[in-house]
Amino acid sequence: MKPITSEEQFQTLITQDQEVLIKFFADWCPDCTRMNMFIGEIMESYSSYEWYEINKDEFPEIAEKYQVMGIPSILIFKNGEKLGHLHSANAKTPDQVTEFLEEKLG
């Protein structure tokens, strides 16, 4: 998962004409650490998509703009539009993440 290090980079990524998956996280978040243990395998299954991560604490304005209240959250963007949002409460297991991706990406 590639890190997002600037607001400009985030804006460029979300306006692409293909789906981009972005995980919002924070260093202090135990659920984020848990997700990191299983997300690699899921990323392999969805390797045709670009995966990025952004630290919610470093970019609070972006998190607020896209209603990221809890972390970890996975958002899907295309052409500047948010197509999907897996909220933290539903992102605790590999099955929950996979079901979300299947529903949104097929």
N, C-alpha and C. Protein backbone atom coordinates (compact mmCIF):
# COMPACT_ATOMS: atom_id res chain seq x y z
N MET A 1 0.85 -1.17 0.00
CA MET A 1 0.00 0.00 0.00
C MET A 1 0.89 1.23 0.00
N LYS A 2 0.65 2.11 -0.96
CA LYS A 2 1.50 3.29 -1.07
C LYS A 2 0.97 4.43 -0.19
N PRO A 3 1.87 5.17 0.46
CA PRO A 3 1.42 6.26 1.32
C PRO A 3 1.04 7.51 0.52
N ILE A 4 0.04 8.22 1.02
CA ILE A 4 -0.32 9.53 0.48
C ILE A 4 0.35 10.55 1.39
N THR A 5 1.14 11.43 0.79
CA THR A 5 1.95 12.35 1.59
C THR A 5 1.58 13.82 1.41
N SER A 6 0.59 14.10 0.55
CA SER A 6 0.18 15.50 0.37
C SER A 6 -1.27 15.55 -0.08
N GLU A 7 -1.88 16.69 0.16
CA GLU A 7 -3.26 16.89 -0.30
C GLU A 7 -3.32 16.89 -1.82
N GLU A 8 -2.29 17.42 -2.46
CA GLU A 8 -2.24 17.45 -3.93
C GLU A 8 -2.23 16.02 -4.48
N GLN A 9 -1.43 15.17 -3.87
CA GLN A 9 -1.36 13.78 -4.32
C GLN A 9 -2.73 13.11 -4.17
N PHE A 10 -3.39 13.34 -3.04
CA PHE A 10 -4.72 12.78 -2.80
C PHE A 10 -5.68 13.22 -3.90
N GLN A 11 -5.70 14.52 -4.19
CA GLN A 11 -6.62 15.05 -5.21
C GLN A 11 -6.34 14.45 -6.58
N THR A 12 -5.07 14.30 -6.91
CA THR A 12 -4.70 13.70 -8.20
C THR A 12 -5.19 12.26 -8.29
N LEU A 13 -4.99 11.51 -7.21
CA LEU A 13 -5.37 10.10 -7.20
C LEU A 13 -6.88 9.91 -7.36
N ILE A 14 -7.66 10.69 -6.63
CA ILE A 14 -9.11 10.44 -6.63
C ILE A 14 -9.78 10.89 -7.92
N THR A 15 -9.09 11.69 -8.74
CA THR A 15 -9.71 12.15 -9.98
C THR A 15 -9.35 11.27 -11.18
N GLN A 16 -8.65 10.16 -10.95
CA GLN A 16 -8.33 9.25 -12.05
C GLN A 16 -9.61 8.60 -12.58
N ASP A 17 -9.54 8.11 -13.83
CA ASP A 17 -10.73 7.49 -14.40
C ASP A 17 -10.76 5.98 -14.17
N GLN A 18 -10.07 5.54 -13.14
CA GLN A 18 -10.18 4.15 -12.69
C GLN A 18 -10.29 4.17 -11.17
N GLU A 19 -10.88 3.12 -10.62
CA GLU A 19 -11.08 3.08 -9.18
C GLU A 19 -9.75 3.08 -8.44
N VAL A 20 -9.70 3.85 -7.35
CA VAL A 20 -8.54 3.90 -6.46
C VAL A 20 -9.06 3.62 -5.06
N LEU A 21 -8.37 2.74 -4.34
CA LEU A 21 -8.78 2.39 -2.98
C LEU A 21 -7.84 3.08 -2.00
N ILE A 22 -8.43 3.74 -1.02
CA ILE A 22 -7.64 4.50 -0.05
C ILE A 22 -8.06 4.09 1.36
N LYS A 23 -7.08 3.63 2.12
CA LYS A 23 -7.33 3.27 3.52
C LYS A 23 -6.95 4.45 4.40
N PHE A 24 -7.88 4.87 5.23
CA PHE A 24 -7.62 5.89 6.23
C PHE A 24 -7.24 5.17 7.53
N PHE A 25 -6.17 5.62 8.16
CA PHE A 25 -5.68 4.97 9.37
C PHE A 25 -5.05 6.01 10.29
N ALA A 26 -4.62 5.55 11.46
CA ALA A 26 -3.81 6.36 12.37
C ALA A 26 -2.83 5.43 13.07
N ASP A 27 -1.68 5.96 13.45
CA ASP A 27 -0.64 5.14 14.08
C ASP A 27 -1.07 4.54 15.41
N TRP A 28 -1.95 5.21 16.13
CA TRP A 28 -2.35 4.79 17.47
C TRP A 28 -3.53 3.81 17.46
N CYS A 29 -4.04 3.47 16.30
CA CYS A 29 -5.30 2.73 16.16
C CYS A 29 -5.10 1.22 16.18
N PRO A 30 -5.59 0.50 17.22
CA PRO A 30 -5.40 -0.95 17.28
C PRO A 30 -6.13 -1.69 16.17
N ASP A 31 -7.32 -1.21 15.75
CA ASP A 31 -8.03 -1.87 14.66
C ASP A 31 -7.28 -1.72 13.33
N CYS A 32 -6.55 -0.62 13.18
CA CYS A 32 -5.73 -0.43 11.97
C CYS A 32 -4.60 -1.46 11.94
N THR A 33 -3.98 -1.68 13.08
CA THR A 33 -2.91 -2.67 13.18
C THR A 33 -3.46 -4.05 12.86
N ARG A 34 -4.66 -4.35 13.36
CA ARG A 34 -5.28 -5.64 13.08
C ARG A 34 -5.56 -5.79 11.59
N MET A 35 -6.06 -4.73 10.95
CA MET A 35 -6.35 -4.79 9.52
C MET A 35 -5.06 -5.03 8.74
N ASN A 36 -3.97 -4.42 9.16
CA ASN A 36 -2.70 -4.60 8.45
C ASN A 36 -2.28 -6.06 8.41
N MET A 37 -2.74 -6.86 9.37
CA MET A 37 -2.37 -8.27 9.42
C MET A 37 -3.03 -9.08 8.30
N PHE A 38 -4.20 -8.62 7.82
CA PHE A 38 -4.90 -9.41 6.79
C PHE A 38 -5.10 -8.69 5.46
N ILE A 39 -4.81 -7.41 5.39
CA ILE A 39 -5.14 -6.66 4.17
C ILE A 39 -4.26 -7.05 2.98
N GLY A 40 -3.04 -7.52 3.24
CA GLY A 40 -2.14 -7.89 2.14
C GLY A 40 -2.73 -8.94 1.22
N GLU A 41 -3.35 -9.96 1.81
CA GLU A 41 -3.95 -11.03 1.02
C GLU A 41 -5.12 -10.50 0.19
N ILE A 42 -5.89 -9.61 0.77
CA ILE A 42 -7.03 -9.01 0.05
C ILE A 42 -6.51 -8.14 -1.10
N MET A 43 -5.44 -7.40 -0.85
CA MET A 43 -4.85 -6.57 -1.90
C MET A 43 -4.38 -7.42 -3.08
N GLU A 44 -3.85 -8.61 -2.80
CA GLU A 44 -3.42 -9.51 -3.87
C GLU A 44 -4.60 -9.91 -4.73
N SER A 45 -5.75 -10.17 -4.10
CA SER A 45 -6.95 -10.56 -4.84
C SER A 45 -7.48 -9.41 -5.70
N TYR A 46 -7.19 -8.20 -5.28
CA TYR A 46 -7.65 -7.01 -5.99
C TYR A 46 -6.45 -6.21 -6.49
N SER A 47 -5.48 -6.92 -7.03
CA SER A 47 -4.22 -6.29 -7.44
C SER A 47 -4.36 -5.46 -8.71
N SER A 48 -5.48 -5.56 -9.40
CA SER A 48 -5.66 -4.73 -10.59
C SER A 48 -6.04 -3.29 -10.21
N TYR A 49 -6.25 -3.05 -8.92
CA TYR A 49 -6.57 -1.71 -8.44
C TYR A 49 -5.37 -1.12 -7.71
N GLU A 50 -5.31 0.21 -7.69
CA GLU A 50 -4.25 0.88 -6.93
C GLU A 50 -4.72 1.07 -5.50
N TRP A 51 -3.84 0.74 -4.55
CA TRP A 51 -4.13 0.85 -3.12
C TRP A 51 -3.22 1.90 -2.50
N TYR A 52 -3.83 2.78 -1.71
CA TYR A 52 -3.07 3.81 -1.00
C TYR A 52 -3.56 3.89 0.43
N GLU A 53 -2.76 4.51 1.27
CA GLU A 53 -3.19 4.77 2.63
C GLU A 53 -2.84 6.19 3.01
N ILE A 54 -3.70 6.76 3.88
CA ILE A 54 -3.50 8.13 4.32
C ILE A 54 -3.74 8.18 5.82
N ASN A 55 -2.84 8.88 6.50
CA ASN A 55 -2.96 9.01 7.95
C ASN A 55 -3.99 10.10 8.26
N LYS A 56 -5.09 9.69 8.86
CA LYS A 56 -6.19 10.61 9.17
C LYS A 56 -5.72 11.78 10.04
N ASP A 57 -4.79 11.52 10.95
CA ASP A 57 -4.31 12.56 11.85
C ASP A 57 -3.47 13.62 11.12
N GLU A 58 -2.83 13.23 10.03
CA GLU A 58 -2.00 14.18 9.27
C GLU A 58 -2.83 15.01 8.29
N PHE A 59 -4.02 14.49 7.93
CA PHE A 59 -4.88 15.18 6.96
C PHE A 59 -6.32 15.21 7.46
N PRO A 60 -6.56 15.87 8.61
CA PRO A 60 -7.91 15.87 9.18
C PRO A 60 -8.96 16.51 8.28
N GLU A 61 -8.56 17.49 7.46
CA GLU A 61 -9.52 18.16 6.58
C GLU A 61 -10.06 17.18 5.53
N ILE A 62 -9.18 16.33 5.00
CA ILE A 62 -9.61 15.35 4.00
C ILE A 62 -10.55 14.34 4.66
N ALA A 63 -10.18 13.87 5.84
CA ALA A 63 -11.03 12.90 6.54
C ALA A 63 -12.41 13.49 6.81
N GLU A 64 -12.44 14.74 7.23
CA GLU A 64 -13.71 15.39 7.52
C GLU A 64 -14.54 15.57 6.25
N LYS A 65 -13.91 15.99 5.19
CA LYS A 65 -14.62 16.22 3.92
C LYS A 65 -15.32 14.97 3.42
N TYR A 66 -14.70 13.81 3.63
CA TYR A 66 -15.25 12.55 3.12
C TYR A 66 -15.90 11.71 4.23
N GLN A 67 -16.27 12.36 5.33
CA GLN A 67 -17.00 11.75 6.44
C GLN A 67 -16.32 10.51 7.02
N VAL A 68 -15.00 10.56 7.14
CA VAL A 68 -14.28 9.46 7.77
C VAL A 68 -14.24 9.75 9.27
N MET A 69 -15.19 9.16 9.99
CA MET A 69 -15.29 9.38 11.44
C MET A 69 -14.45 8.35 12.19
N GLY A 70 -14.50 7.11 11.73
CA GLY A 70 -13.78 6.03 12.40
C GLY A 70 -12.72 5.45 11.50
N ILE A 71 -11.74 4.82 12.11
CA ILE A 71 -10.67 4.20 11.34
C ILE A 71 -10.44 2.79 11.86
N PRO A 72 -9.98 1.88 11.05
CA PRO A 72 -9.66 2.08 9.62
C PRO A 72 -10.93 2.17 8.79
N SER A 73 -10.87 2.93 7.73
CA SER A 73 -11.94 3.00 6.74
C SER A 73 -11.30 2.87 5.37
N ILE A 74 -12.02 2.21 4.47
CA ILE A 74 -11.55 2.09 3.09
C ILE A 74 -12.55 2.82 2.20
N LEU A 75 -12.03 3.75 1.41
CA LEU A 75 -12.88 4.50 0.49
C LEU A 75 -12.44 4.19 -0.94
N ILE A 76 -13.42 4.15 -1.82
CA ILE A 76 -13.15 3.92 -3.24
C ILE A 76 -13.53 5.19 -3.99
N PHE A 77 -12.61 5.69 -4.79
CA PHE A 77 -12.83 6.90 -5.58
C PHE A 77 -12.62 6.62 -7.06
N LYS A 78 -13.34 7.38 -7.88
CA LYS A 78 -13.13 7.36 -9.34
C LYS A 78 -13.67 8.68 -9.87
N ASN A 79 -12.91 9.33 -10.74
CA ASN A 79 -13.32 10.60 -11.34
C ASN A 79 -13.75 11.63 -10.30
N GLY A 80 -13.06 11.64 -9.14
CA GLY A 80 -13.33 12.61 -8.11
C GLY A 80 -14.55 12.31 -7.25
N GLU A 81 -15.20 11.19 -7.50
CA GLU A 81 -16.40 10.82 -6.76
C GLU A 81 -16.11 9.68 -5.80
N LYS A 82 -16.71 9.75 -4.62
CA LYS A 82 -16.59 8.64 -3.67
C LYS A 82 -17.63 7.59 -4.04
N LEU A 83 -17.16 6.41 -4.46
CA LEU A 83 -18.07 5.35 -4.90
C LEU A 83 -18.43 4.39 -3.78
N GLY A 84 -17.58 4.33 -2.77
CA GLY A 84 -17.84 3.40 -1.68
C GLY A 84 -17.09 3.82 -0.44
N HIS A 85 -17.65 3.44 0.73
CA HIS A 85 -17.02 3.80 2.01
C HIS A 85 -17.28 2.64 2.98
N LEU A 86 -16.24 1.92 3.29
CA LEU A 86 -16.33 0.85 4.29
C LEU A 86 -15.97 1.48 5.63
N HIS A 87 -16.99 1.67 6.46
CA HIS A 87 -16.79 2.31 7.76
C HIS A 87 -16.08 1.37 8.73
N SER A 88 -15.39 1.94 9.67
CA SER A 88 -14.55 1.19 10.61
C SER A 88 -15.30 0.08 11.32
N ALA A 89 -16.56 0.30 11.68
CA ALA A 89 -17.33 -0.72 12.41
C ALA A 89 -17.51 -1.98 11.58
N ASN A 90 -17.46 -1.85 10.25
CA ASN A 90 -17.66 -2.99 9.35
C ASN A 90 -16.37 -3.44 8.68
N ALA A 91 -15.23 -3.01 9.24
CA ALA A 91 -13.94 -3.32 8.60
C ALA A 91 -13.03 -4.10 9.55
N LYS A 92 -13.64 -4.95 10.39
CA LYS A 92 -12.86 -5.63 11.42
C LYS A 92 -12.36 -7.01 11.01
N THR A 93 -12.94 -7.59 9.95
CA THR A 93 -12.52 -8.94 9.55
C THR A 93 -12.23 -8.97 8.05
N PRO A 94 -11.44 -9.96 7.62
CA PRO A 94 -11.18 -10.10 6.17
C PRO A 94 -12.48 -10.30 5.39
N ASP A 95 -13.43 -11.05 5.95
CA ASP A 95 -14.70 -11.29 5.25
C ASP A 95 -15.47 -9.99 5.03
N GLN A 96 -15.49 -9.12 6.02
CA GLN A 96 -16.21 -7.85 5.88
C GLN A 96 -15.58 -7.00 4.78
N VAL A 97 -14.27 -6.94 4.74
CA VAL A 97 -13.59 -6.14 3.73
C VAL A 97 -13.82 -6.74 2.34
N THR A 98 -13.71 -8.06 2.24
CA THR A 98 -13.90 -8.73 0.95
C THR A 98 -15.33 -8.54 0.44
N GLU A 99 -16.32 -8.67 1.32
CA GLU A 99 -17.71 -8.48 0.91
C GLU A 99 -17.94 -7.07 0.38
N PHE A 100 -17.37 -6.07 1.05
CA PHE A 100 -17.49 -4.69 0.59
C PHE A 100 -16.88 -4.53 -0.81
N LEU A 101 -15.69 -5.07 -1.00
CA LEU A 101 -15.01 -4.93 -2.29
C LEU A 101 -15.78 -5.66 -3.40
N GLU A 102 -16.31 -6.84 -3.09
CA GLU A 102 -17.08 -7.59 -4.08
C GLU A 102 -18.32 -6.80 -4.50
N GLU A 103 -18.97 -6.19 -3.50
CA GLU A 103 -20.19 -5.44 -3.79
C GLU A 103 -19.88 -4.20 -4.63
N LYS A 104 -18.79 -3.50 -4.32
CA LYS A 104 -18.47 -2.24 -4.99
C LYS A 104 -17.69 -2.40 -6.29
N LEU A 105 -16.85 -3.44 -6.35
CA LEU A 105 -15.96 -3.58 -7.51
C LEU A 105 -16.28 -4.80 -8.36
N GLY A 106 -17.01 -5.74 -7.81
CA GLY A 106 -17.37 -6.96 -8.53
C GLY A 106 -16.29 -8.00 -8.49
